[in-house]
């Protein structure tokens, strides 16, 4: 029996509905995680509406048909992390006496 790992996600500033996406079976996603998804409209950053879960391929097909979506669901291709970089920049003073020219 074939299984699929699924998660409902929302597009920020796009639509109030949650869309169904497929994840690799070894990935766990929690509500609020940001994901990069690839669908028929390109790549988008979305937010998980719920935790991911595993179900059969047949149940996935039923979910897609009941919600008016495509089967198989579009793929989530990665997670999105926010990284803050601290950078120090040296701003030299004017060329005053005692400083090298």
Protein backbone atom coordinates (compact mmCIF):
# COMPACT_ATOMS: atom_id res chain seq x y z
CA UNK A 1 0.00 0.00 0.00
CA UNK A 2 1.37 3.44 -0.91
CA UNK A 3 1.44 6.21 1.68
CA UNK A 4 1.71 9.98 1.37
CA UNK A 5 2.83 12.60 3.88
CA UNK A 6 0.51 15.63 3.69
CA UNK A 7 0.11 19.09 5.17
CA UNK A 8 -2.38 21.91 4.70
CA UNK A 9 -0.73 25.30 4.10
CA UNK A 10 -1.87 28.87 3.63
CA UNK A 11 -0.42 31.41 1.21
CA UNK A 12 0.24 34.73 2.95
CA UNK A 13 -1.55 37.68 1.33
CA UNK A 14 -3.07 35.37 -1.26
CA UNK A 15 -6.11 33.47 -0.11
CA UNK A 16 -7.88 32.54 3.11
CA UNK A 17 -8.11 28.87 2.09
CA UNK A 18 -5.62 26.19 3.08
CA UNK A 19 -4.11 24.11 0.27
CA UNK A 20 -2.94 20.50 0.47
CA UNK A 21 0.73 19.76 -0.25
CA UNK A 22 2.75 16.56 -0.24
CA UNK A 23 5.98 16.15 1.73
CA UNK A 24 8.65 13.44 1.64
CA UNK A 25 7.68 10.61 4.00
CA UNK A 26 10.65 11.23 6.33
CA UNK A 27 9.78 14.92 6.98
CA UNK A 28 7.74 16.17 9.95
CA UNK A 29 6.20 19.63 9.77
CA UNK A 30 4.57 21.49 12.65
CA UNK A 31 1.87 24.12 12.54
CA UNK A 32 3.41 27.51 11.75
CA UNK A 33 6.47 26.17 9.91
CA UNK A 34 7.33 27.94 6.68
CA UNK A 35 7.77 25.81 3.56
CA UNK A 36 8.81 26.32 -0.03
CA UNK A 37 6.25 24.69 -2.31
CA UNK A 38 6.17 24.16 -6.06
CA UNK A 39 2.77 24.15 -7.75
CA UNK A 40 1.40 24.93 -11.20
CA UNK A 41 1.92 28.66 -10.56
CA UNK A 42 5.60 28.39 -9.60
CA UNK A 43 7.39 28.39 -6.25
CA UNK A 44 5.90 30.05 -3.17
CA UNK A 45 6.63 30.41 0.52
CA UNK A 46 3.67 29.20 2.57
CA UNK A 47 2.87 28.58 6.24
CA UNK A 48 1.75 25.20 7.57
CA UNK A 49 -1.84 25.43 8.81
CA UNK A 50 -1.53 22.20 10.83
CA UNK A 51 0.94 19.42 11.65
CA UNK A 52 1.78 17.02 8.82
CA UNK A 53 0.26 13.54 8.77
CA UNK A 54 0.59 10.31 6.78
CA UNK A 55 -2.32 8.62 5.02
CA UNK A 56 -2.90 6.22 2.17
CA UNK A 57 -2.75 7.30 -1.46
CA UNK A 58 -6.45 6.49 -1.83
CA UNK A 59 -7.38 8.74 1.10
CA UNK A 60 -5.21 11.48 -0.43
CA UNK A 61 -7.19 11.20 -3.65
CA UNK A 62 -10.47 11.46 -1.70
CA UNK A 63 -9.21 14.58 0.13
CA UNK A 64 -8.17 16.21 -3.15
CA UNK A 65 -11.51 15.49 -4.81
CA UNK A 66 -13.52 16.64 -1.77
CA UNK A 67 -11.63 19.95 -1.62
CA UNK A 68 -11.56 20.60 -5.36
CA UNK A 69 -7.79 20.15 -5.59
CA UNK A 70 -5.50 18.33 -7.99
CA UNK A 71 -4.32 14.76 -7.48
CA UNK A 72 -1.53 14.16 -6.75
CA UNK A 73 -1.06 17.26 -4.58
CA UNK A 74 1.68 19.77 -5.34
CA UNK A 75 5.02 19.16 -3.62
CA UNK A 76 6.65 20.93 -0.72
CA UNK A 77 10.32 21.12 -1.72
CA UNK A 78 11.97 22.56 1.39
CA UNK A 79 11.73 24.48 4.62
CA UNK A 80 12.32 28.20 5.00
CA UNK A 81 14.48 29.52 7.86
CA UNK A 82 15.15 33.10 8.89
CA UNK A 83 18.84 33.83 9.41
CA UNK A 84 20.08 37.06 11.00
CA UNK A 85 23.61 38.02 10.04
CA UNK A 86 25.72 40.36 12.14
CA UNK A 87 28.38 42.12 10.15
CA UNK A 88 31.01 44.53 11.45
CA UNK A 89 32.20 47.21 9.05
CA UNK A 90 35.21 49.44 9.73
CA UNK A 91 34.59 53.07 8.83
CA UNK A 92 37.96 54.85 8.87
CA UNK A 93 38.26 58.37 10.24
CA UNK A 94 39.53 61.16 8.01
CA UNK A 95 43.24 61.24 7.21
CA UNK A 96 44.41 63.04 10.37
CA UNK A 97 47.89 63.47 11.76
CA UNK A 98 49.30 60.21 13.03
CA UNK A 99 47.33 58.04 10.57
CA UNK A 100 48.99 56.46 7.56
CA UNK A 101 48.38 58.12 4.25
